[in-house]
Amino acid sequence: MDLEQQLQELKMDYVRLQGDLEKRESTSQQVDPLIQQLEQIENQIADVRRQLQENR
């Protein structure tokens, strides 16, 4: 998978998790695991963007 495709998939995962987080918050469920996943995806997105910049 190329970096552009990987970046798009990470972004889609991020948006999906944000929706899940909002649902859990609205029903007073625990959100800590989702917040951790969002942070991991943010780091992965930053890494892929860094790699894309280096390749240009």
PDB file of N, CA and C in Angstrom:
ATOM      1  N   MET A   1       0.852  -1.174   0.000  1.00  0.00           N
ATOM      2  CA  MET A   1       0.000   0.000   0.000  1.00  0.00           C
ATOM      3  C   MET A   1       0.901   1.241   0.000  1.00  0.00           C
ATOM      4  N   ASP A   2       0.568   2.198  -0.848  1.00  0.00           N
ATOM      5  CA  ASP A   2       1.390   3.402  -0.878  1.00  0.00           C
ATOM      6  C   ASP A   2       1.000   4.355   0.252  1.00  0.00           C
ATOM      7  N   LEU A   3       1.838   5.345   0.460  1.00  0.00           N
ATOM      8  CA  LEU A   3       1.659   6.250   1.600  1.00  0.00           C
ATOM      9  C   LEU A   3       0.375   7.069   1.506  1.00  0.00           C
ATOM     10  N   GLU A   4       0.019   7.507   0.302  1.00  0.00           N
ATOM     11  CA  GLU A   4      -1.214   8.294   0.137  1.00  0.00           C
ATOM     12  C   GLU A   4      -2.439   7.470   0.535  1.00  0.00           C
ATOM     13  N   GLN A   5      -2.453   6.220   0.109  1.00  0.00           N
ATOM     14  CA  GLN A   5      -3.572   5.338   0.443  1.00  0.00           C
ATOM     15  C   GLN A   5      -3.603   5.066   1.944  1.00  0.00           C
ATOM     16  N   GLN A   6      -2.436   4.858   2.524  1.00  0.00           N
ATOM     17  CA  GLN A   6      -2.352   4.620   3.966  1.00  0.00           C
ATOM     18  C   GLN A   6      -2.873   5.831   4.734  1.00  0.00           C
ATOM     19  N   LEU A   7      -2.515   7.022   4.274  1.00  0.00           N
ATOM     20  CA  LEU A   7      -2.974   8.248   4.921  1.00  0.00           C
ATOM     21  C   LEU A   7      -4.498   8.361   4.852  1.00  0.00           C
ATOM     22  N   GLN A   8      -5.079   8.058   3.703  1.00  0.00           N
ATOM     23  CA  GLN A   8      -6.533   8.131   3.557  1.00  0.00           C
ATOM     24  C   GLN A   8      -7.238   7.141   4.479  1.00  0.00           C
ATOM     25  N   GLU A   9      -6.695   5.937   4.598  1.00  0.00           N
ATOM     26  CA  GLU A   9      -7.308   4.939   5.479  1.00  0.00           C
ATOM     27  C   GLU A   9      -7.216   5.362   6.941  1.00  0.00           C
ATOM     28  N   LEU A  10      -6.087   5.938   7.322  1.00  0.00           N
ATOM     29  CA  LEU A  10      -5.941   6.423   8.696  1.00  0.00           C
ATOM     30  C   LEU A  10      -6.941   7.535   8.985  1.00  0.00           C
ATOM     31  N   LYS A  11      -7.134   8.421   8.028  1.00  0.00           N
ATOM     32  CA  LYS A  11      -8.096   9.509   8.207  1.00  0.00           C
ATOM     33  C   LYS A  11      -9.519   8.967   8.361  1.00  0.00           C
ATOM     34  N   MET A  12      -9.859   7.959   7.557  1.00  0.00           N
ATOM     35  CA  MET A  12     -11.200   7.363   7.667  1.00  0.00           C
ATOM     36  C   MET A  12     -11.378   6.692   9.026  1.00  0.00           C
ATOM     37  N   ASP A  13     -10.349   5.989   9.490  1.00  0.00           N
ATOM     38  CA  ASP A  13     -10.407   5.362  10.815  1.00  0.00           C
ATOM     39  C   ASP A  13     -10.587   6.418  11.898  1.00  0.00           C
ATOM     40  N   TYR A  14      -9.888   7.535  11.751  1.00  0.00           N
ATOM     41  CA  TYR A  14      -9.955   8.610  12.735  1.00  0.00           C
ATOM     42  C   TYR A  14     -11.378   9.171  12.819  1.00  0.00           C
ATOM     43  N   VAL A  15     -11.965   9.430  11.672  1.00  0.00           N
ATOM     44  CA  VAL A  15     -13.328   9.978  11.634  1.00  0.00           C
ATOM     45  C   VAL A  15     -14.319   8.984  12.239  1.00  0.00           C
ATOM     46  N   ARG A  16     -14.166   7.702  11.915  1.00  0.00           N
ATOM     47  CA  ARG A  16     -15.049   6.669  12.463  1.00  0.00           C
ATOM     48  C   ARG A  16     -14.937   6.622  13.985  1.00  0.00           C
ATOM     49  N   LEU A  17     -13.703   6.671  14.491  1.00  0.00           N
ATOM     50  CA  LEU A  17     -13.506   6.634  15.940  1.00  0.00           C
ATOM     51  C   LEU A  17     -14.073   7.875  16.622  1.00  0.00           C
ATOM     52  N   GLN A  18     -13.987   9.024  15.958  1.00  0.00           N
ATOM     53  CA  GLN A  18     -14.572  10.241  16.528  1.00  0.00           C
ATOM     54  C   GLN A  18     -16.080  10.072  16.701  1.00  0.00           C
ATOM     55  N   GLY A  19     -16.718   9.466  15.709  1.00  0.00           N
ATOM     56  CA  GLY A  19     -18.157   9.210  15.808  1.00  0.00           C
ATOM     57  C   GLY A  19     -18.482   8.257  16.944  1.00  0.00           C
ATOM     58  N   ASP A  20     -17.666   7.200  17.067  1.00  0.00           N
ATOM     59  CA  ASP A  20     -17.861   6.247  18.160  1.00  0.00           C
ATOM     60  C   ASP A  20     -17.681   6.932  19.510  1.00  0.00           C
ATOM     61  N   LEU A  21     -16.696   7.811  19.589  1.00  0.00           N
ATOM     62  CA  LEU A  21     -16.420   8.533  20.830  1.00  0.00           C
ATOM     63  C   LEU A  21     -17.612   9.404  21.222  1.00  0.00           C
ATOM     64  N   GLU A  22     -18.175  10.112  20.243  1.00  0.00           N
ATOM     65  CA  GLU A  22     -19.330  10.966  20.524  1.00  0.00           C
ATOM     66  C   GLU A  22     -20.518  10.145  21.019  1.00  0.00           C
ATOM     67  N   LYS A  23     -20.727   8.974  20.409  1.00  0.00           N
ATOM     68  CA  LYS A  23     -21.832   8.109  20.845  1.00  0.00           C
ATOM     69  C   LYS A  23     -21.626   7.655  22.284  1.00  0.00           C
ATOM     70  N   ARG A  24     -20.405   7.251  22.603  1.00  0.00           N
ATOM     71  CA  ARG A  24     -20.126   6.784  23.961  1.00  0.00           C
ATOM     72  C   ARG A  24     -20.256   7.918  24.972  1.00  0.00           C
ATOM     73  N   GLU A  25     -19.776   9.106  24.606  1.00  0.00           N
ATOM     74  CA  GLU A  25     -19.897  10.241  25.524  1.00  0.00           C
ATOM     75  C   GLU A  25     -21.361  10.561  25.792  1.00  0.00           C
ATOM     76  N   SER A  26     -22.187  10.485  24.765  1.00  0.00           N
ATOM     77  CA  SER A  26     -23.602  10.841  24.931  1.00  0.00           C
ATOM     78  C   SER A  26     -24.353   9.831  25.790  1.00  0.00           C
ATOM     79  N   THR A  27     -23.818   8.617  25.907  1.00  0.00           N
ATOM     80  CA  THR A  27     -24.458   7.594  26.739  1.00  0.00           C
ATOM     81  C   THR A  27     -23.670   7.340  28.020  1.00  0.00           C
ATOM     82  N   SER A  28     -22.755   8.231  28.334  1.00  0.00           N
ATOM     83  CA  SER A  28     -21.942   8.176  29.561  1.00  0.00           C
ATOM     84  C   SER A  28     -21.141   6.878  29.691  1.00  0.00           C
ATOM     85  N   GLN A  29     -20.693   6.344  28.569  1.00  0.00           N
ATOM     86  CA  GLN A  29     -19.834   5.165  28.597  1.00  0.00           C
ATOM     87  C   GLN A  29     -18.376   5.601  28.661  1.00  0.00           C
ATOM     88  N   GLN A  30     -17.511   4.654  29.015  1.00  0.00           N
ATOM     89  CA  GLN A  30     -16.083   4.949  29.134  1.00  0.00           C
ATOM     90  C   GLN A  30     -15.500   5.266  27.754  1.00  0.00           C
ATOM     91  N   VAL A  31     -14.724   6.346  27.683  1.00  0.00           N
ATOM     92  CA  VAL A  31     -14.165   6.783  26.406  1.00  0.00           C
ATOM     93  C   VAL A  31     -12.638   6.711  26.365  1.00  0.00           C
ATOM     94  N   ASP A  32     -11.995   6.401  27.481  1.00  0.00           N
ATOM     95  CA  ASP A  32     -10.534   6.401  27.526  1.00  0.00           C
ATOM     96  C   ASP A  32      -9.882   5.526  26.456  1.00  0.00           C
ATOM     97  N   PRO A  33     -10.367   4.297  26.233  1.00  0.00           N
ATOM     98  CA  PRO A  33      -9.725   3.479  25.187  1.00  0.00           C
ATOM     99  C   PRO A  33      -9.816   4.119  23.797  1.00  0.00           C
ATOM    100  N   LEU A  34     -10.942   4.761  23.516  1.00  0.00           N
ATOM    101  CA  LEU A  34     -11.092   5.407  22.212  1.00  0.00           C
ATOM    102  C   LEU A  34     -10.177   6.611  22.091  1.00  0.00           C
ATOM    103  N   ILE A  35     -10.014   7.344  23.168  1.00  0.00           N
ATOM    104  CA  ILE A  35      -9.109   8.494  23.147  1.00  0.00           C
ATOM    105  C   ILE A  35      -7.685   8.027  22.877  1.00  0.00           C
ATOM    106  N   GLN A  36      -7.293   6.928  23.484  1.00  0.00           N
ATOM    107  CA  GLN A  36      -5.954   6.382  23.242  1.00  0.00           C
ATOM    108  C   GLN A  36      -5.793   5.958  21.786  1.00  0.00           C
ATOM    109  N   GLN A  37      -6.819   5.337  21.228  1.00  0.00           N
ATOM    110  CA  GLN A  37      -6.760   4.938  19.821  1.00  0.00           C
ATOM    111  C   GLN A  37      -6.651   6.158  18.912  1.00  0.00           C
ATOM    112  N   LEU A  38      -7.399   7.210  19.227  1.00  0.00           N
ATOM    113  CA  LEU A  38      -7.325   8.435  18.432  1.00  0.00           C
ATOM    114  C   LEU A  38      -5.922   9.026  18.483  1.00  0.00           C
ATOM    115  N   GLU A  39      -5.315   9.015  19.652  1.00  0.00           N
ATOM    116  CA  GLU A  39      -3.958   9.543  19.787  1.00  0.00           C
ATOM    117  C   GLU A  39      -2.964   8.718  18.978  1.00  0.00           C
ATOM    118  N   GLN A  40      -3.141   7.398  18.978  1.00  0.00           N
ATOM    119  CA  GLN A  40      -2.257   6.534  18.188  1.00  0.00           C
ATOM    120  C   GLN A  40      -2.407   6.824  16.696  1.00  0.00           C
ATOM    121  N   ILE A  41      -3.637   7.003  16.260  1.00  0.00           N
ATOM    122  CA  ILE A  41      -3.871   7.295  14.847  1.00  0.00           C
ATOM    123  C   ILE A  41      -3.298   8.661  14.488  1.00  0.00           C
ATOM    124  N   GLU A  42      -3.433   9.640  15.381  1.00  0.00           N
ATOM    125  CA  GLU A  42      -2.842  10.957  15.133  1.00  0.00           C
ATOM    126  C   GLU A  42      -1.341  10.832  14.919  1.00  0.00           C
ATOM    127  N   ASN A  43      -0.684  10.017  15.741  1.00  0.00           N
ATOM    128  CA  ASN A  43       0.757   9.812  15.601  1.00  0.00           C
ATOM    129  C   ASN A  43       1.090   9.111  14.288  1.00  0.00           C
ATOM    130  N   GLN A  44       0.280   8.132  13.909  1.00  0.00           N
ATOM    131  CA  GLN A  44       0.512   7.427  12.647  1.00  0.00           C
ATOM    132  C   GLN A  44       0.326   8.368  11.461  1.00  0.00           C
ATOM    133  N   ILE A  45      -0.689   9.219  11.524  1.00  0.00           N
ATOM    134  CA  ILE A  45      -0.920  10.193  10.455  1.00  0.00           C
ATOM    135  C   ILE A  45       0.279  11.128  10.341  1.00  0.00           C
ATOM    136  N   ALA A  46       0.786  11.586  11.470  1.00  0.00           N
ATOM    137  CA  ALA A  46       1.952  12.470  11.456  1.00  0.00           C
ATOM    138  C   ALA A  46       3.160  11.766  10.844  1.00  0.00           C
ATOM    139  N   ASP A  47       3.355  10.496  11.174  1.00  0.00           N
ATOM    140  CA  ASP A  47       4.480   9.739  10.620  1.00  0.00           C
ATOM    141  C   ASP A  47       4.361   9.592   9.106  1.00  0.00           C
ATOM    142  N   VAL A  48       3.165   9.264   8.635  1.00  0.00           N
ATOM    143  CA  VAL A  48       2.968   9.094   7.194  1.00  0.00           C
ATOM    144  C   VAL A  48       3.172  10.426   6.482  1.00  0.00           C
ATOM    145  N   ARG A  49       2.658  11.503   7.039  1.00  0.00           N
ATOM    146  CA  ARG A  49       2.857  12.825   6.423  1.00  0.00           C
ATOM    147  C   ARG A  49       4.338  13.182   6.366  1.00  0.00           C
ATOM    148  N   ARG A  50       5.069  12.840   7.419  1.00  0.00           N
ATOM    149  CA  ARG A  50       6.509  13.097   7.453  1.00  0.00           C
ATOM    150  C   ARG A  50       7.212  12.315   6.337  1.00  0.00           C
ATOM    151  N   GLN A  51       6.816  11.062   6.180  1.00  0.00           N
ATOM    152  CA  GLN A  51       7.405  10.230   5.123  1.00  0.00           C
ATOM    153  C   GLN A  51       7.082  10.787   3.741  1.00  0.00           C
ATOM    154  N   LEU A  52       5.863  11.264   3.568  1.00  0.00           N
ATOM    155  CA  LEU A  52       5.478  11.854   2.286  1.00  0.00           C
ATOM    156  C   LEU A  52       6.320  13.090   1.984  1.00  0.00           C
ATOM    157  N   GLN A  53       6.560  13.914   2.991  1.00  0.00           N
ATOM    158  CA  GLN A  53       7.380  15.116   2.800  1.00  0.00           C
ATOM    159  C   GLN A  53       8.812  14.749   2.423  1.00  0.00           C
ATOM    160  N   GLU A  54       9.337  13.696   3.056  1.00  0.00           N
ATOM    161  CA  GLU A  54      10.708  13.272   2.777  1.00  0.00           C
ATOM    162  C   GLU A  54      10.848  12.731   1.360  1.00  0.00           C
ATOM    163  N   ASN A  55       9.790  12.133   0.838  1.00  0.00           N
ATOM    164  CA  ASN A  55       9.835  11.532  -0.495  1.00  0.00           C
ATOM    165  C   ASN A  55       9.617  12.538  -1.615  1.00  0.00           C
ATOM    166  N   ARG A  56       9.265  13.749  -1.280  1.00  0.00           N
ATOM    167  CA  ARG A  56       8.993  14.752  -2.327  1.00  0.00           C
ATOM    168  C   ARG A  56      10.198  15.571  -2.622  1.00  0.00           C
TER     169      ARG A  56
END
